[in-house]
Amino acid sequence: MRVANLSILVLAALSVSCSRGTPPPAPAAQPKPAERQKTVIDAQLKALDKAKAVQGTIDQQKKDMDKKLEDAGG
């Protein structure tokens, strides 16, 4: 009895795994996403982006200064 139940279970699993489902429908033209809404943290995000830009400028100035010092023999 156990062998029969096990074989039926195996056959059912194999038949399900081999079956093909219907292919997914072709994607329709995606609508344009809505404009981003203002949130409470927009001001903080803007300040953070500005700080990152300033940090990039400072890093570049430091690289330039280090290069000048290296070229001067220091």
PDB file of N, CA and C in Angstrom:
ATOM      1  N   MET A   1       0.823  -1.184   0.000  1.00  0.00           N
ATOM      2  CA  MET A   1       0.000   0.000   0.000  1.00  0.00           C
ATOM      3  C   MET A   1       0.875   1.258   0.000  1.00  0.00           C
ATOM      4  N   ARG A   2       1.955   1.270   0.783  1.00  0.00           N
ATOM      5  CA  ARG A   2       2.840   2.428   0.847  1.00  0.00           C
ATOM      6  C   ARG A   2       3.509   2.682  -0.491  1.00  0.00           C
ATOM      7  N   VAL A   3       3.879   1.621  -1.170  1.00  0.00           N
ATOM      8  CA  VAL A   3       4.549   1.739  -2.452  1.00  0.00           C
ATOM      9  C   VAL A   3       3.590   2.336  -3.481  1.00  0.00           C
ATOM     10  N   ALA A   4       2.360   1.925  -3.453  1.00  0.00           N
ATOM     11  CA  ALA A   4       1.376   2.434  -4.402  1.00  0.00           C
ATOM     12  C   ALA A   4       1.126   3.924  -4.157  1.00  0.00           C
ATOM     13  N   ASN A   5       0.973   4.308  -2.911  1.00  0.00           N
ATOM     14  CA  ASN A   5       0.759   5.725  -2.589  1.00  0.00           C
ATOM     15  C   ASN A   5       1.974   6.565  -2.981  1.00  0.00           C
ATOM     16  N   LEU A   6       3.165   6.037  -2.713  1.00  0.00           N
ATOM     17  CA  LEU A   6       4.385   6.753  -3.045  1.00  0.00           C
ATOM     18  C   LEU A   6       4.536   6.897  -4.555  1.00  0.00           C
ATOM     19  N   SER A   7       4.232   5.846  -5.300  1.00  0.00           N
ATOM     20  CA  SER A   7       4.370   5.931  -6.752  1.00  0.00           C
ATOM     21  C   SER A   7       3.345   6.901  -7.345  1.00  0.00           C
ATOM     22  N   ILE A   8       2.132   6.924  -6.800  1.00  0.00           N
ATOM     23  CA  ILE A   8       1.129   7.880  -7.275  1.00  0.00           C
ATOM     24  C   ILE A   8       1.585   9.304  -6.983  1.00  0.00           C
ATOM     25  N   LEU A   9       2.144   9.518  -5.819  1.00  0.00           N
ATOM     26  CA  LEU A   9       2.638  10.842  -5.442  1.00  0.00           C
ATOM     27  C   LEU A   9       3.776  11.282  -6.357  1.00  0.00           C
ATOM     28  N   VAL A  10       4.688  10.374  -6.666  1.00  0.00           N
ATOM     29  CA  VAL A  10       5.816  10.698  -7.545  1.00  0.00           C
ATOM     30  C   VAL A  10       5.323  11.003  -8.949  1.00  0.00           C
ATOM     31  N   LEU A  11       4.395  10.198  -9.457  1.00  0.00           N
ATOM     32  CA  LEU A  11       3.856  10.440 -10.791  1.00  0.00           C
ATOM     33  C   LEU A  11       3.100  11.767 -10.864  1.00  0.00           C
ATOM     34  N   ALA A  12       2.367  12.082  -9.831  1.00  0.00           N
ATOM     35  CA  ALA A  12       1.643  13.353  -9.812  1.00  0.00           C
ATOM     36  C   ALA A  12       2.621  14.520  -9.792  1.00  0.00           C
ATOM     37  N   ALA A  13       3.672  14.414  -8.995  1.00  0.00           N
ATOM     38  CA  ALA A  13       4.663  15.487  -8.922  1.00  0.00           C
ATOM     39  C   ALA A  13       5.371  15.668 -10.263  1.00  0.00           C
ATOM     40  N   LEU A  14       5.706  14.560 -10.922  1.00  0.00           N
ATOM     41  CA  LEU A  14       6.377  14.645 -12.213  1.00  0.00           C
ATOM     42  C   LEU A  14       5.466  15.235 -13.283  1.00  0.00           C
ATOM     43  N   SER A  15       4.213  14.849 -13.268  1.00  0.00           N
ATOM     44  CA  SER A  15       3.312  15.374 -14.291  1.00  0.00           C
ATOM     45  C   SER A  15       3.053  16.863 -14.093  1.00  0.00           C
ATOM     46  N   VAL A  16       3.000  17.321 -12.853  1.00  0.00           N
ATOM     47  CA  VAL A  16       2.795  18.741 -12.591  1.00  0.00           C
ATOM     48  C   VAL A  16       4.039  19.537 -12.968  1.00  0.00           C
ATOM     49  N   SER A  17       5.205  18.990 -12.671  1.00  0.00           N
ATOM     50  CA  SER A  17       6.435  19.727 -12.953  1.00  0.00           C
ATOM     51  C   SER A  17       6.733  19.800 -14.447  1.00  0.00           C
ATOM     52  N   CYS A  18       6.227  18.847 -15.217  1.00  0.00           N
ATOM     53  CA  CYS A  18       6.480  18.847 -16.649  1.00  0.00           C
ATOM     54  C   CYS A  18       5.436  19.619 -17.443  1.00  0.00           C
ATOM     55  N   SER A  19       4.327  19.928 -16.830  1.00  0.00           N
ATOM     56  CA  SER A  19       3.277  20.618 -17.575  1.00  0.00           C
ATOM     57  C   SER A  19       3.683  22.065 -17.832  1.00  0.00           C
ATOM     58  N   ARG A  20       3.207  22.591 -18.937  1.00  0.00           N
ATOM     59  CA  ARG A  20       3.503  23.977 -19.286  1.00  0.00           C
ATOM     60  C   ARG A  20       2.286  24.823 -18.971  1.00  0.00           C
ATOM     61  N   GLY A  21       2.532  25.924 -18.370  1.00  0.00           N
ATOM     62  CA  GLY A  21       1.456  26.852 -18.101  1.00  0.00           C
ATOM     63  C   GLY A  21       1.246  27.743 -19.312  1.00  0.00           C
ATOM     64  N   THR A  22       0.247  28.535 -19.264  1.00  0.00           N
ATOM     65  CA  THR A  22       0.026  29.475 -20.360  1.00  0.00           C
ATOM     66  C   THR A  22       1.100  30.548 -20.298  1.00  0.00           C
ATOM     67  N   PRO A  23       1.588  30.978 -21.439  1.00  0.00           N
ATOM     68  CA  PRO A  23       2.639  31.996 -21.433  1.00  0.00           C
ATOM     69  C   PRO A  23       2.072  33.315 -20.907  1.00  0.00           C
ATOM     70  N   PRO A  24       2.912  34.105 -20.273  1.00  0.00           N
ATOM     71  CA  PRO A  24       2.435  35.376 -19.753  1.00  0.00           C
ATOM     72  C   PRO A  24       2.049  36.305 -20.897  1.00  0.00           C
ATOM     73  N   PRO A  25       1.071  37.136 -20.683  1.00  0.00           N
ATOM     74  CA  PRO A  25       0.660  38.044 -21.755  1.00  0.00           C
ATOM     75  C   PRO A  25       1.772  39.044 -22.069  1.00  0.00           C
ATOM     76  N   ALA A  26       1.772  39.498 -23.302  1.00  0.00           N
ATOM     77  CA  ALA A  26       2.783  40.474 -23.716  1.00  0.00           C
ATOM     78  C   ALA A  26       2.574  41.762 -22.926  1.00  0.00           C
ATOM     79  N   PRO A  27       3.651  42.387 -22.510  1.00  0.00           N
ATOM     80  CA  PRO A  27       3.494  43.606 -21.726  1.00  0.00           C
ATOM     81  C   PRO A  27       2.882  44.722 -22.568  1.00  0.00           C
ATOM     82  N   ALA A  28       1.904  45.347 -21.999  1.00  0.00           N
ATOM     83  CA  ALA A  28       1.253  46.462 -22.682  1.00  0.00           C
ATOM     84  C   ALA A  28       2.112  47.710 -22.495  1.00  0.00           C
ATOM     85  N   ALA A  29       1.789  48.723 -23.240  1.00  0.00           N
ATOM     86  CA  ALA A  29       2.531  49.976 -23.113  1.00  0.00           C
ATOM     87  C   ALA A  29       2.381  50.480 -21.679  1.00  0.00           C
ATOM     88  N   GLN A  30       3.504  50.700 -21.048  1.00  0.00           N
ATOM     89  CA  GLN A  30       3.491  51.128 -19.659  1.00  0.00           C
ATOM     90  C   GLN A  30       3.082  52.590 -19.576  1.00  0.00           C
ATOM     91  N   PRO A  31       2.153  52.906 -18.700  1.00  0.00           N
ATOM     92  CA  PRO A  31       1.776  54.309 -18.551  1.00  0.00           C
ATOM     93  C   PRO A  31       2.915  55.100 -17.916  1.00  0.00           C
ATOM     94  N   LYS A  32       2.963  56.366 -18.225  1.00  0.00           N
ATOM     95  CA  LYS A  32       4.001  57.218 -17.679  1.00  0.00           C
ATOM     96  C   LYS A  32       3.817  57.331 -16.168  1.00  0.00           C
ATOM     97  N   PRO A  33       4.893  57.178 -15.417  1.00  0.00           N
ATOM     98  CA  PRO A  33       4.741  57.281 -13.967  1.00  0.00           C
ATOM     99  C   PRO A  33       4.338  58.702 -13.579  1.00  0.00           C
ATOM    100  N   ALA A  34       3.559  58.772 -12.537  1.00  0.00           N
ATOM    101  CA  ALA A  34       3.100  60.073 -12.067  1.00  0.00           C
ATOM    102  C   ALA A  34       4.293  60.845 -11.500  1.00  0.00           C
ATOM    103  N   GLU A  35       4.182  62.152 -11.519  1.00  0.00           N
ATOM    104  CA  GLU A  35       5.266  62.963 -10.982  1.00  0.00           C
ATOM    105  C   GLU A  35       5.415  62.684  -9.494  1.00  0.00           C
ATOM    106  N   ARG A  36       6.616  62.818  -9.030  1.00  0.00           N
ATOM    107  CA  ARG A  36       6.917  62.541  -7.637  1.00  0.00           C
ATOM    108  C   ARG A  36       6.241  63.571  -6.748  1.00  0.00           C
ATOM    109  N   GLN A  37       5.588  63.079  -5.721  1.00  0.00           N
ATOM    110  CA  GLN A  37       4.904  63.976  -4.800  1.00  0.00           C
ATOM    111  C   GLN A  37       5.882  64.484  -3.759  1.00  0.00           C
ATOM    112  N   LYS A  38       5.637  65.692  -3.295  1.00  0.00           N
ATOM    113  CA  LYS A  38       6.475  66.242  -2.240  1.00  0.00           C
ATOM    114  C   LYS A  38       6.221  65.482  -0.951  1.00  0.00           C
ATOM    115  N   THR A  39       7.288  65.285  -0.204  1.00  0.00           N
ATOM    116  CA  THR A  39       7.169  64.624   1.088  1.00  0.00           C
ATOM    117  C   THR A  39       7.778  65.505   2.156  1.00  0.00           C
ATOM    118  N   VAL A  40       7.666  65.057   3.370  1.00  0.00           N
ATOM    119  CA  VAL A  40       8.166  65.825   4.507  1.00  0.00           C
ATOM    120  C   VAL A  40       9.692  65.890   4.497  1.00  0.00           C
ATOM    121  N   ILE A  41      10.341  64.867   3.969  1.00  0.00           N
ATOM    122  CA  ILE A  41      11.800  64.809   4.048  1.00  0.00           C
ATOM    123  C   ILE A  41      12.496  65.366   2.811  1.00  0.00           C
ATOM    124  N   ASP A  42      11.774  65.990   1.908  1.00  0.00           N
ATOM    125  CA  ASP A  42      12.398  66.540   0.699  1.00  0.00           C
ATOM    126  C   ASP A  42      13.494  67.552   1.025  1.00  0.00           C
ATOM    127  N   ALA A  43      13.262  68.403   2.003  1.00  0.00           N
ATOM    128  CA  ALA A  43      14.261  69.413   2.364  1.00  0.00           C
ATOM    129  C   ALA A  43      15.534  68.749   2.875  1.00  0.00           C
ATOM    130  N   GLN A  44      15.388  67.686   3.674  1.00  0.00           N
ATOM    131  CA  GLN A  44      16.563  67.000   4.200  1.00  0.00           C
ATOM    132  C   GLN A  44      17.313  66.273   3.081  1.00  0.00           C
ATOM    133  N   LEU A  45      16.576  65.685   2.146  1.00  0.00           N
ATOM    134  CA  LEU A  45      17.233  65.007   1.031  1.00  0.00           C
ATOM    135  C   LEU A  45      17.985  65.994   0.147  1.00  0.00           C
ATOM    136  N   LYS A  46      17.398  67.161  -0.053  1.00  0.00           N
ATOM    137  CA  LYS A  46      18.050  68.191  -0.858  1.00  0.00           C
ATOM    138  C   LYS A  46      19.335  68.654  -0.170  1.00  0.00           C
ATOM    139  N   ALA A  47      19.266  68.847   1.147  1.00  0.00           N
ATOM    140  CA  ALA A  47      20.449  69.259   1.901  1.00  0.00           C
ATOM    141  C   ALA A  47      21.525  68.175   1.857  1.00  0.00           C
ATOM    142  N   LEU A  48      21.120  66.927   1.929  1.00  0.00           N
ATOM    143  CA  LEU A  48      22.074  65.824   1.874  1.00  0.00           C
ATOM    144  C   LEU A  48      22.764  65.769   0.515  1.00  0.00           C
ATOM    145  N   ASP A  49      22.000  65.935  -0.555  1.00  0.00           N
ATOM    146  CA  ASP A  49      22.594  65.958  -1.897  1.00  0.00           C
ATOM    147  C   ASP A  49      23.576  67.113  -2.051  1.00  0.00           C
ATOM    148  N   LYS A  50      23.216  68.257  -1.500  1.00  0.00           N
ATOM    149  CA  LYS A  50      24.106  69.419  -1.569  1.00  0.00           C
ATOM    150  C   LYS A  50      25.391  69.154  -0.791  1.00  0.00           C
ATOM    151  N   ALA A  51      25.264  68.528   0.377  1.00  0.00           N
ATOM    152  CA  ALA A  51      26.444  68.214   1.181  1.00  0.00           C
ATOM    153  C   ALA A  51      27.351  67.226   0.460  1.00  0.00           C
ATOM    154  N   LYS A  52      26.761  66.252  -0.224  1.00  0.00           N
ATOM    155  CA  LYS A  52      27.576  65.291  -0.977  1.00  0.00           C
ATOM    156  C   LYS A  52      28.323  65.984  -2.108  1.00  0.00           C
ATOM    157  N   ALA A  53      27.676  66.948  -2.755  1.00  0.00           N
ATOM    158  CA  ALA A  53      28.335  67.687  -3.836  1.00  0.00           C
ATOM    159  C   ALA A  53      29.495  68.512  -3.285  1.00  0.00           C
ATOM    160  N   VAL A  54      29.279  69.142  -2.142  1.00  0.00           N
ATOM    161  CA  VAL A  54      30.338  69.934  -1.516  1.00  0.00           C
ATOM    162  C   VAL A  54      31.498  69.028  -1.104  1.00  0.00           C
ATOM    163  N   GLN A  55      31.187  67.847  -0.579  1.00  0.00           N
ATOM    164  CA  GLN A  55      32.236  66.918  -0.180  1.00  0.00           C
ATOM    165  C   GLN A  55      33.065  66.498  -1.388  1.00  0.00           C
ATOM    166  N   GLY A  56      32.423  66.310  -2.520  1.00  0.00           N
ATOM    167  CA  GLY A  56      33.161  65.972  -3.736  1.00  0.00           C
ATOM    168  C   GLY A  56      34.124  67.076  -4.130  1.00  0.00           C
ATOM    169  N   THR A  57      33.690  68.331  -3.998  1.00  0.00           N
ATOM    170  CA  THR A  57      34.548  69.473  -4.309  1.00  0.00           C
ATOM    171  C   THR A  57      35.738  69.523  -3.356  1.00  0.00           C
ATOM    172  N   ILE A  58      35.477  69.294  -2.073  1.00  0.00           N
ATOM    173  CA  ILE A  58      36.543  69.328  -1.074  1.00  0.00           C
ATOM    174  C   ILE A  58      37.549  68.212  -1.330  1.00  0.00           C
ATOM    175  N   ASP A  59      37.052  67.030  -1.666  1.00  0.00           N
ATOM    176  CA  ASP A  59      37.960  65.916  -1.961  1.00  0.00           C
ATOM    177  C   ASP A  59      38.843  66.224  -3.160  1.00  0.00           C
ATOM    178  N   GLN A  60      38.264  66.837  -4.187  1.00  0.00           N
ATOM    179  CA  GLN A  60      39.041  67.191  -5.376  1.00  0.00           C
ATOM    180  C   GLN A  60      40.106  68.232  -5.034  1.00  0.00           C
ATOM    181  N   GLN A  61      39.747  69.221  -4.211  1.00  0.00           N
ATOM    182  CA  GLN A  61      40.719  70.232  -3.802  1.00  0.00           C
ATOM    183  C   GLN A  61      41.858  69.608  -3.007  1.00  0.00           C
ATOM    184  N   LYS A  62      41.543  68.637  -2.151  1.00  0.00           N
ATOM    185  CA  LYS A  62      42.576  67.964  -1.367  1.00  0.00           C
ATOM    186  C   LYS A  62      43.515  67.187  -2.285  1.00  0.00           C
ATOM    187  N   LYS A  63      42.955  66.501  -3.296  1.00  0.00           N
ATOM    188  CA  LYS A  63      43.802  65.772  -4.238  1.00  0.00           C
ATOM    189  C   LYS A  63      44.731  66.728  -4.979  1.00  0.00           C
ATOM    190  N   ASP A  64      44.202  67.872  -5.390  1.00  0.00           N
ATOM    191  CA  ASP A  64      45.018  68.860  -6.096  1.00  0.00           C
ATOM    192  C   ASP A  64      46.134  69.378  -5.193  1.00  0.00           C
ATOM    193  N   MET A  65      45.803  69.666  -3.942  1.00  0.00           N
ATOM    194  CA  MET A  65      46.802  70.177  -3.001  1.00  0.00           C
ATOM    195  C   MET A  65      47.864  69.118  -2.728  1.00  0.00           C
ATOM    196  N   ASP A  66      47.463  67.857  -2.559  1.00  0.00           N
ATOM    197  CA  ASP A  66      48.430  66.783  -2.334  1.00  0.00           C
ATOM    198  C   ASP A  66      49.361  66.636  -3.534  1.00  0.00           C
ATOM    199  N   LYS A  67      48.808  66.772  -4.722  1.00  0.00           N
ATOM    200  CA  LYS A  67      49.635  66.661  -5.934  1.00  0.00           C
ATOM    201  C   LYS A  67      50.634  67.799  -6.002  1.00  0.00           C
ATOM    202  N   LYS A  68      50.185  69.018  -5.661  1.00  0.00           N
ATOM    203  CA  LYS A  68      51.093  70.157  -5.663  1.00  0.00           C
ATOM    204  C   LYS A  68      52.228  69.976  -4.661  1.00  0.00           C
ATOM    205  N   LEU A  69      51.868  69.472  -3.469  1.00  0.00           N
ATOM    206  CA  LEU A  69      52.898  69.231  -2.448  1.00  0.00           C
ATOM    207  C   LEU A  69      53.877  68.141  -2.898  1.00  0.00           C
ATOM    208  N   GLU A  70      53.355  67.120  -3.540  1.00  0.00           N
ATOM    209  CA  GLU A  70      54.215  66.031  -4.018  1.00  0.00           C
ATOM    210  C   GLU A  70      55.145  66.545  -5.111  1.00  0.00           C
ATOM    211  N   ASP A  71      54.623  67.391  -6.004  1.00  0.00           N
ATOM    212  CA  ASP A  71      55.444  67.933  -7.089  1.00  0.00           C
ATOM    213  C   ASP A  71      56.502  68.895  -6.551  1.00  0.00           C
ATOM    214  N   ALA A  72      56.184  69.547  -5.450  1.00  0.00           N
ATOM    215  CA  ALA A  72      57.136  70.507  -4.851  1.00  0.00           C
ATOM    216  C   ALA A  72      58.216  69.793  -4.038  1.00  0.00           C
ATOM    217  N   GLY A  73      58.073  68.486  -3.875  1.00  0.00           N
ATOM    218  CA  GLY A  73      59.112  67.733  -3.177  1.00  0.00           C
ATOM    219  C   GLY A  73      58.797  67.552  -1.700  1.00  0.00           C
ATOM    220  N   GLY A  74      57.540  67.727  -1.317  1.00  0.00           N
ATOM    221  CA  GLY A  74      57.207  67.650   0.107  1.00  0.00           C
ATOM    222  C   GLY A  74      56.604  66.401   0.534  1.00  0.00           C
TER     223      GLY A  74
END
